Amino acid sequence: MIHVTLKQLRYFDALARELHFGRAAQACSVTQPALSMQIQELELNLGVSLVERTRLGVQLTTQGTELAKRAASVLGEVRDFIEYAQHGSETLCGTLRLGVIPSLAPYVLPSLLPLIREQFPELELRLRETQTHTLLQELVDGKLDLLFLALPVKHQDVETLSLLKDKFVLVLPEGRKVHGPIHATPELFEDERLLLLEEGHCLRDQALAYCSLQEVRSISTFGASSLATIVELVSSGFGITLLPELSLGVETRGRNLKVVRFEEPEPSRDLGLVWRATSPRKNEFKEFGELIIQATSGMIENAGKMIS
């Protein structure tokens, strides 16, 4: 009888992702010899070669590539099995590993966290803030339970729930005059320097896509990786920018800025939740979504008062 352990599958899964024995061992919190021995035992038990060891590193064999996909699926099912046992009869309790993108975390969390503490005191929230592609991979890998970010995301192993629209507004130095209706078109930026986050940030891509600004030539980043830096540059007269409405309460505070709403149809981004399609906690996640709506409703109302 062929005997395969979950430990062996976890080690093989890590090796398949890292393609490096040292990094895989570190990810599994074991020594490299211990991981290598388990991989060898797995190959021996299965009677196949899973990896090819070369001077340049590690490569999966043809069978190894297919079995790596199946190992990841098995480990996912085991995680969901455990989650169901822990949360099947409860609602928003235990541990929730939440991933949030940087253009949402500093603005929504200050309103959301007190609600969680008040309404679900038994919930232990563990936060991870980074960019979308990393969060999505960590969700699929089982390192995170739930994501709060901008939709859509495309992955066959996840489900999504749209929660709210976050409108984009035009932000200018306080003394800048605005003539007539403001339309989100490339012509608006012909004589202005548009300041956006550096490449790789989803908010930059969303602003360009949703406002049809892909062809605007006068885009500058100054290497900025935070909205706070962009807004400070605008306040000092270096250009203009687009901000999501939810960020206004934080980013415009104490700065000399004019905030202008666009004409209909107002550009916006769709915000929502993402979870693994196999997760047994879907009802919990939907309830968490209601908390987010509750937390952001007041923020949107207050933001409206700041807009010209």
C-alpha atoms as a PDB file:
ATOM      1  CA  MET A   1       0.000   0.000   0.000  1.00  0.00           C
ATOM      2  CA  ILE A   2       1.274   3.466  -0.909  1.00  0.00           C
ATOM      3  CA  HIS A   3       1.537   5.701   2.162  1.00  0.00           C
ATOM      4  CA  VAL A   4       1.614   9.484   1.760  1.00  0.00           C
ATOM      5  CA  THR A   5       1.502  11.924   4.675  1.00  0.00           C
ATOM      6  CA  LEU A   6       0.144  15.465   4.815  1.00  0.00           C
ATOM      7  CA  LYS A   7       3.591  16.586   5.952  1.00  0.00           C
ATOM      8  CA  GLN A   8       5.086  15.252   2.727  1.00  0.00           C
ATOM      9  CA  LEU A   9       2.420  17.011   0.674  1.00  0.00           C
ATOM     10  CA  ARG A  10       3.033  20.301   2.502  1.00  0.00           C
ATOM     11  CA  TYR A  11       6.770  20.048   1.904  1.00  0.00           C
ATOM     12  CA  PHE A  12       6.285  19.153  -1.753  1.00  0.00           C
ATOM     13  CA  ASP A  13       3.804  21.991  -2.189  1.00  0.00           C
ATOM     14  CA  ALA A  14       6.331  24.457  -0.742  1.00  0.00           C
ATOM     15  CA  LEU A  15       9.090  23.110  -2.972  1.00  0.00           C
ATOM     16  CA  ALA A  16       6.855  23.341  -6.048  1.00  0.00           C
ATOM     17  CA  ARG A  17       6.172  27.004  -5.271  1.00  0.00           C
ATOM     18  CA  GLU A  18       9.697  28.024  -4.304  1.00  0.00           C
ATOM     19  CA  LEU A  19      11.703  25.732  -6.645  1.00  0.00           C
ATOM     20  CA  HIS A  20      14.465  25.959  -4.062  1.00  0.00           C
ATOM     21  CA  PHE A  21      15.106  23.535  -1.199  1.00  0.00           C
ATOM     22  CA  GLY A  22      16.404  26.204   1.160  1.00  0.00           C
ATOM     23  CA  ARG A  23      13.487  28.598   0.679  1.00  0.00           C
ATOM     24  CA  ALA A  24      10.966  25.757   0.820  1.00  0.00           C
ATOM     25  CA  ALA A  25      12.467  24.529   4.093  1.00  0.00           C
ATOM     26  CA  GLN A  26      12.301  28.052   5.502  1.00  0.00           C
ATOM     27  CA  ALA A  27       8.661  28.366   4.472  1.00  0.00           C
ATOM     28  CA  CYS A  28       7.900  25.103   6.288  1.00  0.00           C
ATOM     29  CA  SER A  29      10.020  26.053   9.341  1.00  0.00           C
ATOM     30  CA  VAL A  30      12.205  22.952   9.031  1.00  0.00           C
ATOM     31  CA  THR A  31      15.809  22.254   8.120  1.00  0.00           C
ATOM     32  CA  GLN A  32      16.738  21.691   4.486  1.00  0.00           C
ATOM     33  CA  PRO A  33      17.908  18.087   5.100  1.00  0.00           C
ATOM     34  CA  ALA A  34      14.583  17.279   6.804  1.00  0.00           C
ATOM     35  CA  LEU A  35      12.603  18.628   3.872  1.00  0.00           C
ATOM     36  CA  SER A  36      14.832  16.899   1.319  1.00  0.00           C
ATOM     37  CA  MET A  37      14.436  13.562   3.124  1.00  0.00           C
ATOM     38  CA  GLN A  38      10.638  13.845   3.109  1.00  0.00           C
ATOM     39  CA  ILE A  39      10.625  14.664  -0.614  1.00  0.00           C
ATOM     40  CA  GLN A  40      12.816  11.637  -1.308  1.00  0.00           C
ATOM     41  CA  GLU A  41      10.507   9.402   0.746  1.00  0.00           C
ATOM     42  CA  LEU A  42       7.501  10.770  -1.140  1.00  0.00           C
ATOM     43  CA  GLU A  43       9.168   9.981  -4.476  1.00  0.00           C
ATOM     44  CA  LEU A  44      10.071   6.502  -3.254  1.00  0.00           C
ATOM     45  CA  ASN A  45       6.548   5.790  -1.995  1.00  0.00           C
ATOM     46  CA  LEU A  46       4.953   7.011  -5.228  1.00  0.00           C
ATOM     47  CA  GLY A  47       7.543   5.426  -7.474  1.00  0.00           C
ATOM     48  CA  VAL A  48       8.014   8.594  -9.528  1.00  0.00           C
ATOM     49  CA  SER A  49      10.528  11.420  -9.807  1.00  0.00           C
ATOM     50  CA  LEU A  50       8.889  14.666  -8.722  1.00  0.00           C
ATOM     51  CA  VAL A  51      11.784  17.082  -9.101  1.00  0.00           C
ATOM     52  CA  GLU A  52      14.902  17.361 -11.178  1.00  0.00           C
ATOM     53  CA  ARG A  53      17.907  18.563  -9.197  1.00  0.00           C
ATOM     54  CA  THR A  54      20.326  20.571 -11.338  1.00  0.00           C
ATOM     55  CA  ARG A  55      23.243  22.926 -10.734  1.00  0.00           C
ATOM     56  CA  LEU A  56      20.910  25.797 -11.561  1.00  0.00           C
ATOM     57  CA  GLY A  57      18.292  24.773  -9.008  1.00  0.00           C
ATOM     58  CA  VAL A  58      15.156  22.662  -8.917  1.00  0.00           C
ATOM     59  CA  GLN A  59      12.680  21.923 -11.689  1.00  0.00           C
ATOM     60  CA  LEU A  60       9.507  19.900 -11.530  1.00  0.00           C
ATOM     61  CA  THR A  61       9.241  16.872 -13.759  1.00  0.00           C
ATOM     62  CA  THR A  62       6.175  16.433 -15.952  1.00  0.00           C
ATOM     63  CA  GLN A  63       4.591  14.150 -13.362  1.00  0.00           C
ATOM     64  CA  GLY A  64       5.782  16.460 -10.601  1.00  0.00           C
ATOM     65  CA  THR A  65       4.003  19.416 -12.180  1.00  0.00           C
ATOM     66  CA  GLU A  66       0.684  17.570 -12.331  1.00  0.00           C
ATOM     67  CA  LEU A  67       1.043  16.089  -8.847  1.00  0.00           C
ATOM     68  CA  ALA A  68       1.934  19.525  -7.443  1.00  0.00           C
ATOM     69  CA  LYS A  69      -1.455  20.814  -8.627  1.00  0.00           C
ATOM     70  CA  ARG A  70      -3.192  17.858  -7.008  1.00  0.00           C
ATOM     71  CA  ALA A  71      -1.201  18.281  -3.776  1.00  0.00           C
ATOM     72  CA  ALA A  72      -2.257  21.937  -3.572  1.00  0.00           C
ATOM     73  CA  SER A  73      -5.876  20.895  -4.075  1.00  0.00           C
ATOM     74  CA  VAL A  74      -5.669  18.243  -1.351  1.00  0.00           C
ATOM     75  CA  LEU A  75      -4.099  20.695   1.097  1.00  0.00           C
ATOM     76  CA  GLY A  76      -6.813  23.209   0.314  1.00  0.00           C
ATOM     77  CA  GLU A  77      -9.490  20.634   1.079  1.00  0.00           C
ATOM     78  CA  VAL A  78      -7.774  19.827   4.383  1.00  0.00           C
ATOM     79  CA  ARG A  79      -7.693  23.515   5.324  1.00  0.00           C
ATOM     80  CA  ASP A  80     -11.398  23.837   4.526  1.00  0.00           C
ATOM     81  CA  PHE A  81     -12.095  20.666   6.536  1.00  0.00           C
ATOM     82  CA  ILE A  82     -10.425  22.202   9.570  1.00  0.00           C
ATOM     83  CA  GLU A  83     -12.110  25.570   9.059  1.00  0.00           C
ATOM     84  CA  TYR A  84     -15.516  23.956   8.910  1.00  0.00           C
ATOM     85  CA  ALA A  85     -14.837  22.079  12.146  1.00  0.00           C
ATOM     86  CA  GLN A  86     -13.783  25.322  13.823  1.00  0.00           C
ATOM     87  CA  HIS A  87     -16.403  27.661  12.396  1.00  0.00           C
ATOM     88  CA  GLY A  88     -19.244  25.551  11.029  1.00  0.00           C
ATOM     89  CA  SER A  89     -21.678  26.418  13.836  1.00  0.00           C
ATOM     90  CA  GLU A  90     -20.315  29.840  14.747  1.00  0.00           C
ATOM     91  CA  THR A  91     -20.344  33.282  13.199  1.00  0.00           C
ATOM     92  CA  LEU A  92     -17.334  35.567  13.027  1.00  0.00           C
ATOM     93  CA  CYS A  93     -15.302  34.035  15.819  1.00  0.00           C
ATOM     94  CA  GLY A  94     -11.878  32.456  16.078  1.00  0.00           C
ATOM     95  CA  THR A  95      -9.180  33.633  13.669  1.00  0.00           C
ATOM     96  CA  LEU A  96      -9.801  35.548  10.459  1.00  0.00           C
ATOM     97  CA  ARG A  97      -6.746  36.284   8.289  1.00  0.00           C
ATOM     98  CA  LEU A  98      -7.714  39.330   6.270  1.00  0.00           C
ATOM     99  CA  GLY A  99      -5.769  40.796   3.368  1.00  0.00           C
ATOM    100  CA  VAL A 100      -6.341  44.459   2.434  1.00  0.00           C
ATOM    101  CA  ILE A 101      -4.769  46.597  -0.304  1.00  0.00           C
ATOM    102  CA  PRO A 102      -2.803  49.727   0.739  1.00  0.00           C
ATOM    103  CA  SER A 103      -5.290  52.099  -0.897  1.00  0.00           C
ATOM    104  CA  LEU A 104      -8.012  50.850   1.480  1.00  0.00           C
ATOM    105  CA  ALA A 105      -6.374  49.759   4.742  1.00  0.00           C
ATOM    106  CA  PRO A 106      -5.460  53.160   6.270  1.00  0.00           C
ATOM    107  CA  TYR A 107      -8.835  54.662   5.413  1.00  0.00           C
ATOM    108  CA  VAL A 108     -11.375  51.930   6.167  1.00  0.00           C
ATOM    109  CA  LEU A 109      -9.749  50.100   9.090  1.00  0.00           C
ATOM    110  CA  PRO A 110     -10.031  52.978  11.617  1.00  0.00           C
ATOM    111  CA  SER A 111     -13.826  52.824  11.232  1.00  0.00           C
ATOM    112  CA  LEU A 112     -14.062  49.052  10.767  1.00  0.00           C
ATOM    113  CA  LEU A 113     -11.934  47.792  13.663  1.00  0.00           C
ATOM    114  CA  PRO A 114     -14.026  49.338  16.472  1.00  0.00           C
ATOM    115  CA  LEU A 115     -17.155  47.771  14.963  1.00  0.00           C
ATOM    116  CA  ILE A 116     -15.471  44.359  14.942  1.00  0.00           C
ATOM    117  CA  ARG A 117     -14.397  44.741  18.560  1.00  0.00           C
ATOM    118  CA  GLU A 118     -17.880  45.851  19.599  1.00  0.00           C
ATOM    119  CA  GLN A 119     -20.032  43.391  17.656  1.00  0.00           C
ATOM    120  CA  PHE A 120     -17.751  40.337  17.422  1.00  0.00           C
ATOM    121  CA  PRO A 121     -15.403  40.382  20.442  1.00  0.00           C
ATOM    122  CA  GLU A 122     -14.521  36.703  19.935  1.00  0.00           C
ATOM    123  CA  LEU A 123     -13.056  37.360  16.475  1.00  0.00           C
ATOM    124  CA  GLU A 124      -9.254  37.416  16.306  1.00  0.00           C
ATOM    125  CA  LEU A 125      -8.369  39.500  13.253  1.00  0.00           C
ATOM    126  CA  ARG A 126      -4.957  39.077  11.617  1.00  0.00           C
ATOM    127  CA  LEU A 127      -4.213  41.705   8.981  1.00  0.00           C
ATOM    128  CA  ARG A 128      -2.004  41.575   5.913  1.00  0.00           C
ATOM    129  CA  GLU A 129      -1.573  44.744   3.841  1.00  0.00           C
ATOM    130  CA  THR A 130       0.059  44.475   0.421  1.00  0.00           C
ATOM    131  CA  GLN A 131      -0.718  44.648  -3.291  1.00  0.00           C
ATOM    132  CA  THR A 132      -3.484  42.687  -5.005  1.00  0.00           C
ATOM    133  CA  HIS A 133      -1.450  40.054  -6.862  1.00  0.00           C
ATOM    134  CA  THR A 134       0.366  39.019  -3.658  1.00  0.00           C
ATOM    135  CA  LEU A 135      -2.832  38.883  -1.611  1.00  0.00           C
ATOM    136  CA  LEU A 136      -4.582  36.766  -4.231  1.00  0.00           C
ATOM    137  CA  GLN A 137      -1.758  34.248  -4.347  1.00  0.00           C
ATOM    138  CA  GLU A 138      -1.636  34.010  -0.560  1.00  0.00           C
ATOM    139  CA  LEU A 139      -5.402  33.481  -0.471  1.00  0.00           C
ATOM    140  CA  VAL A 140      -5.212  30.631  -2.968  1.00  0.00           C
ATOM    141  CA  ASP A 141      -2.248  29.164  -1.062  1.00  0.00           C
ATOM    142  CA  GLY A 142      -4.297  29.140   2.138  1.00  0.00           C
ATOM    143  CA  LYS A 143      -2.251  31.774   3.961  1.00  0.00           C
ATOM    144  CA  LEU A 144      -5.206  34.168   4.053  1.00  0.00           C
ATOM    145  CA  ASP A 145      -8.941  33.589   4.509  1.00  0.00           C
ATOM    146  CA  LEU A 146     -10.499  36.723   3.034  1.00  0.00           C
ATOM    147  CA  LEU A 147      -9.494  39.729   0.928  1.00  0.00           C
ATOM    148  CA  PHE A 148     -10.930  43.249   0.797  1.00  0.00           C
ATOM    149  CA  LEU A 149      -9.864  44.971  -2.407  1.00  0.00           C
ATOM    150  CA  ALA A 150     -10.925  46.436  -5.742  1.00  0.00           C
ATOM    151  CA  LEU A 151     -12.813  44.169  -8.121  1.00  0.00           C
ATOM    152  CA  PRO A 152     -12.799  42.457 -10.503  1.00  0.00           C
ATOM    153  CA  VAL A 153     -10.190  39.796  -9.878  1.00  0.00           C
ATOM    154  CA  LYS A 154      -9.828  36.838 -12.188  1.00  0.00           C
ATOM    155  CA  HIS A 155      -9.006  33.436 -10.741  1.00  0.00           C
ATOM    156  CA  GLN A 156     -10.870  30.176 -11.180  1.00  0.00           C
ATOM    157  CA  ASP A 157     -10.486  29.202  -7.513  1.00  0.00           C
ATOM    158  CA  VAL A 158     -12.110  32.236  -5.891  1.00  0.00           C
ATOM    159  CA  GLU A 159     -15.513  33.802  -5.396  1.00  0.00           C
ATOM    160  CA  THR A 160     -16.212  37.515  -5.020  1.00  0.00           C
ATOM    161  CA  LEU A 161     -18.851  39.730  -3.433  1.00  0.00           C
ATOM    162  CA  SER A 162     -19.270  43.337  -4.535  1.00  0.00           C
ATOM    163  CA  LEU A 163     -19.944  45.691  -1.604  1.00  0.00           C
ATOM    164  CA  LEU A 164     -19.797  49.353  -2.676  1.00  0.00           C
ATOM    165  CA  LYS A 165     -18.648  51.899  -5.227  1.00  0.00           C
ATOM    166  CA  ASP A 166     -15.764  54.204  -4.324  1.00  0.00           C
ATOM    167  CA  LYS A 167     -15.942  57.247  -6.585  1.00  0.00           C
ATOM    168  CA  PHE A 168     -12.881  59.057  -7.910  1.00  0.00           C
ATOM    169  CA  VAL A 169     -12.645  62.822  -7.399  1.00  0.00           C
ATOM    170  CA  LEU A 170     -10.329  65.446  -8.844  1.00  0.00           C
ATOM    171  CA  VAL A 171      -7.908  67.035  -6.371  1.00  0.00           C
ATOM    172  CA  LEU A 172      -6.143  70.336  -7.163  1.00  0.00           C
ATOM    173  CA  PRO A 173      -4.162  72.992  -5.270  1.00  0.00           C
ATOM    174  CA  GLU A 174      -6.552  75.214  -3.317  1.00  0.00           C
ATOM    175  CA  GLY A 175      -6.066  78.315  -5.476  1.00  0.00           C
ATOM    176  CA  ARG A 176      -6.598  76.574  -8.807  1.00  0.00           C
ATOM    177  CA  LYS A 177      -9.688  77.784 -10.641  1.00  0.00           C
ATOM    178  CA  VAL A 178     -12.074  75.353 -12.298  1.00  0.00           C
ATOM    179  CA  HIS A 179     -14.242  76.488 -15.222  1.00  0.00           C
ATOM    180  CA  GLY A 180     -17.406  74.658 -16.158  1.00  0.00           C
ATOM    181  CA  PRO A 181     -18.358  70.996 -15.671  1.00  0.00           C
ATOM    182  CA  ILE A 182     -15.515  68.562 -15.009  1.00  0.00           C
ATOM    183  CA  HIS A 183     -15.477  65.489 -17.235  1.00  0.00           C
ATOM    184  CA  ALA A 184     -13.055  62.596 -16.701  1.00  0.00           C
ATOM    185  CA  THR A 185     -11.494  62.712 -20.156  1.00  0.00           C
ATOM    186  CA  PRO A 186      -7.903  62.871 -21.426  1.00  0.00           C
ATOM    187  CA  GLU A 187      -8.519  66.462 -22.588  1.00  0.00           C
ATOM    188  CA  LEU A 188      -8.817  67.535 -18.954  1.00  0.00           C
ATOM    189  CA  PHE A 189      -5.138  66.810 -18.429  1.00  0.00           C
ATOM    190  CA  GLU A 190      -3.665  68.303 -21.596  1.00  0.00           C
ATOM    191  CA  ASP A 191      -2.243  71.306 -19.728  1.00  0.00           C
ATOM    192  CA  GLU A 192      -1.852  69.701 -16.297  1.00  0.00           C
ATOM    193  CA  ARG A 193       0.617  67.305 -14.758  1.00  0.00           C
ATOM    194  CA  LEU A 194      -1.320  64.272 -13.485  1.00  0.00           C
ATOM    195  CA  LEU A 195       0.316  62.762 -10.403  1.00  0.00           C
ATOM    196  CA  LEU A 196      -0.294  59.078  -9.735  1.00  0.00           C
ATOM    197  CA  LEU A 197       1.323  56.276  -7.767  1.00  0.00           C
ATOM    198  CA  GLU A 198       4.270  54.495  -9.343  1.00  0.00           C
ATOM    199  CA  GLU A 199       3.614  51.499 -11.573  1.00  0.00           C
ATOM    200  CA  GLY A 200       2.582  48.283  -9.866  1.00  0.00           C
ATOM    201  CA  HIS A 201      -0.111  49.850  -7.679  1.00  0.00           C
ATOM    202  CA  CYS A 202      -3.630  48.801  -8.588  1.00  0.00           C
ATOM    203  CA  LEU A 203      -5.026  52.234  -7.735  1.00  0.00           C
ATOM    204  CA  ARG A 204      -2.944  53.757 -10.519  1.00  0.00           C
ATOM    205  CA  ASP A 205      -4.275  51.221 -13.022  1.00  0.00           C
ATOM    206  CA  GLN A 206      -7.845  51.710 -11.816  1.00  0.00           C
ATOM    207  CA  ALA A 207      -7.676  55.495 -12.131  1.00  0.00           C
ATOM    208  CA  LEU A 208      -6.276  55.251 -15.653  1.00  0.00           C
ATOM    209  CA  ALA A 209      -8.789  52.631 -16.756  1.00  0.00           C
ATOM    210  CA  TYR A 210     -11.923  53.978 -15.138  1.00  0.00           C
ATOM    211  CA  CYS A 211     -11.218  57.532 -16.287  1.00  0.00           C
ATOM    212  CA  SER A 212     -10.082  56.447 -19.779  1.00  0.00           C
ATOM    213  CA  LEU A 213      -6.690  58.100 -19.245  1.00  0.00           C
ATOM    214  CA  GLN A 214      -4.387  55.418 -20.630  1.00  0.00           C
ATOM    215  CA  GLU A 215      -3.178  57.764 -23.379  1.00  0.00           C
ATOM    216  CA  VAL A 216      -2.469  60.782 -21.149  1.00  0.00           C
ATOM    217  CA  ARG A 217       1.175  61.732 -21.634  1.00  0.00           C
ATOM    218  CA  SER A 218       1.636  64.195 -18.781  1.00  0.00           C
ATOM    219  CA  ILE A 219       1.595  61.519 -16.045  1.00  0.00           C
ATOM    220  CA  SER A 220       4.251  61.774 -13.352  1.00  0.00           C
ATOM    221  CA  THR A 221       4.878  59.538 -10.336  1.00  0.00           C
ATOM    222  CA  PHE A 222       7.955  61.059  -8.673  1.00  0.00           C
ATOM    223  CA  GLY A 223       8.507  57.457  -7.545  1.00  0.00           C
ATOM    224  CA  ALA A 224       5.655  57.863  -5.050  1.00  0.00           C
ATOM    225  CA  SER A 225       4.334  54.712  -3.395  1.00  0.00           C
ATOM    226  CA  SER A 226       1.777  56.342  -1.076  1.00  0.00           C
ATOM    227  CA  LEU A 227      -1.201  58.601  -1.588  1.00  0.00           C
ATOM    228  CA  ALA A 228       0.062  60.846   1.207  1.00  0.00           C
ATOM    229  CA  THR A 229       3.116  61.724  -0.892  1.00  0.00           C
ATOM    230  CA  ILE A 230       1.004  62.404  -3.981  1.00  0.00           C
ATOM    231  CA  VAL A 231      -1.394  64.648  -2.070  1.00  0.00           C
ATOM    232  CA  GLU A 232       1.463  66.610  -0.507  1.00  0.00           C
ATOM    233  CA  LEU A 233       2.865  67.257  -3.970  1.00  0.00           C
ATOM    234  CA  VAL A 234      -0.526  68.488  -5.178  1.00  0.00           C
ATOM    235  CA  SER A 235      -0.876  70.727  -2.146  1.00  0.00           C
ATOM    236  CA  SER A 236       2.506  72.254  -3.004  1.00  0.00           C
ATOM    237  CA  GLY A 237       1.448  72.993  -6.577  1.00  0.00           C
ATOM    238  CA  PHE A 238       3.321  70.246  -8.454  1.00  0.00           C
ATOM    239  CA  GLY A 239       0.228  68.949 -10.256  1.00  0.00           C
ATOM    240  CA  ILE A 240      -3.229  67.458  -9.792  1.00  0.00           C
ATOM    241  CA  THR A 241      -4.416  63.961  -8.959  1.00  0.00           C
ATOM    242  CA  LEU A 242      -7.348  61.587  -8.664  1.00  0.00           C
ATOM    243  CA  LEU A 243      -8.314  60.245  -5.248  1.00  0.00           C
ATOM    244  CA  PRO A 244     -10.857  57.627  -4.205  1.00  0.00           C
ATOM    245  CA  GLU A 245     -13.620  59.168  -2.124  1.00  0.00           C
ATOM    246  CA  LEU A 246     -12.924  56.927   0.881  1.00  0.00           C
ATOM    247  CA  SER A 247      -9.437  58.403   1.264  1.00  0.00           C
ATOM    248  CA  LEU A 248     -10.522  62.043   1.519  1.00  0.00           C
ATOM    249  CA  GLY A 249     -11.051  62.154   5.276  1.00  0.00           C
ATOM    250  CA  VAL A 250      -7.408  61.229   5.858  1.00  0.00           C
ATOM    251  CA  GLU A 251      -5.554  62.617   2.871  1.00  0.00           C
ATOM    252  CA  THR A 252      -7.090  66.101   2.683  1.00  0.00           C
ATOM    253  CA  ARG A 253      -6.867  66.827   6.405  1.00  0.00           C
ATOM    254  CA  GLY A 254      -4.762  69.925   7.077  1.00  0.00           C
ATOM    255  CA  ARG A 255      -3.812  70.438   3.434  1.00  0.00           C
ATOM    256  CA  ASN A 256      -4.589  73.311   1.063  1.00  0.00           C
ATOM    257  CA  LEU A 257      -6.614  71.476  -1.552  1.00  0.00           C
ATOM    258  CA  LYS A 258      -9.672  71.832  -3.751  1.00  0.00           C
ATOM    259  CA  VAL A 259     -11.702  68.659  -4.219  1.00  0.00           C
ATOM    260  CA  VAL A 260     -14.032  68.554  -7.226  1.00  0.00           C
ATOM    261  CA  ARG A 261     -16.561  65.902  -8.208  1.00  0.00           C
ATOM    262  CA  PHE A 262     -16.723  64.733 -11.829  1.00  0.00           C
ATOM    263  CA  GLU A 263     -19.824  65.013 -13.955  1.00  0.00           C
ATOM    264  CA  GLU A 264     -21.947  61.913 -14.547  1.00  0.00           C
ATOM    265  CA  PRO A 265     -21.055  59.206 -15.212  1.00  0.00           C
ATOM    266  CA  GLU A 266     -18.672  59.562 -12.268  1.00  0.00           C
ATOM    267  CA  PRO A 267     -15.665  57.239 -12.486  1.00  0.00           C
ATOM    268  CA  SER A 268     -15.433  54.803  -9.584  1.00  0.00           C
ATOM    269  CA  ARG A 269     -13.896  51.554  -8.460  1.00  0.00           C
ATOM    270  CA  ASP A 270     -15.880  48.536  -7.280  1.00  0.00           C
ATOM    271  CA  LEU A 271     -14.841  47.349  -3.804  1.00  0.00           C
ATOM    272  CA  GLY A 272     -15.597  43.904  -2.479  1.00  0.00           C
ATOM    273  CA  LEU A 273     -14.542  40.679  -0.834  1.00  0.00           C
ATOM    274  CA  VAL A 274     -12.710  37.681  -2.267  1.00  0.00           C
ATOM    275  CA  TRP A 275     -12.484  34.185  -0.780  1.00  0.00           C
ATOM    276  CA  ARG A 276     -11.614  30.665  -1.905  1.00  0.00           C
ATOM    277  CA  ALA A 277     -14.533  29.016  -3.668  1.00  0.00           C
ATOM    278  CA  THR A 278     -14.172  25.949  -1.440  1.00  0.00           C
ATOM    279  CA  SER A 279     -14.249  27.856   1.855  1.00  0.00           C
ATOM    280  CA  PRO A 280     -17.012  26.767   4.268  1.00  0.00           C
ATOM    281  CA  ARG A 281     -17.097  30.274   5.817  1.00  0.00           C
ATOM    282  CA  LYS A 282     -19.019  32.060   3.059  1.00  0.00           C
ATOM    283  CA  ASN A 283     -21.849  33.119   5.358  1.00  0.00           C
ATOM    284  CA  GLU A 284     -19.339  34.570   7.816  1.00  0.00           C
ATOM    285  CA  PHE A 285     -17.637  36.497   5.033  1.00  0.00           C
ATOM    286  CA  LYS A 286     -20.940  37.951   3.868  1.00  0.00           C
ATOM    287  CA  GLU A 287     -21.631  39.086   7.424  1.00  0.00           C
ATOM    288  CA  PHE A 288     -18.182  40.671   7.488  1.00  0.00           C
ATOM    289  CA  GLY A 289     -19.140  42.489   4.303  1.00  0.00           C
ATOM    290  CA  GLU A 290     -22.125  44.003   6.101  1.00  0.00           C
ATOM    291  CA  LEU A 291     -19.711  45.360   8.709  1.00  0.00           C
ATOM    292  CA  ILE A 292     -17.649  47.010   5.967  1.00  0.00           C
ATOM    293  CA  ILE A 293     -20.760  48.638   4.492  1.00  0.00           C
ATOM    294  CA  GLN A 294     -21.685  49.887   7.941  1.00  0.00           C
ATOM    295  CA  ALA A 295     -18.186  51.262   8.532  1.00  0.00           C
ATOM    296  CA  THR A 296     -17.928  53.054   5.187  1.00  0.00           C
ATOM    297  CA  SER A 297     -21.403  54.601   4.994  1.00  0.00           C
ATOM    298  CA  GLY A 298     -20.477  57.424   7.341  1.00  0.00           C
ATOM    299  CA  MET A 299     -17.143  57.919   5.595  1.00  0.00           C
ATOM    300  CA  ILE A 300     -18.827  58.437   2.227  1.00  0.00           C
ATOM    301  CA  GLU A 301     -21.311  60.870   3.749  1.00  0.00           C
ATOM    302  CA  ASN A 302     -18.516  62.917   5.328  1.00  0.00           C
ATOM    303  CA  ALA A 303     -16.490  62.856   2.123  1.00  0.00           C
ATOM    304  CA  GLY A 304     -19.408  64.393   0.265  1.00  0.00           C
ATOM    305  CA  LYS A 305     -19.188  67.452   2.499  1.00  0.00           C
ATOM    306  CA  MET A 306     -15.573  68.051   1.443  1.00  0.00           C
ATOM    307  CA  ILE A 307     -16.280  68.120  -2.279  1.00  0.00           C
ATOM    308  CA  SER A 308     -16.929  71.367  -4.151  1.00  0.00           C
END
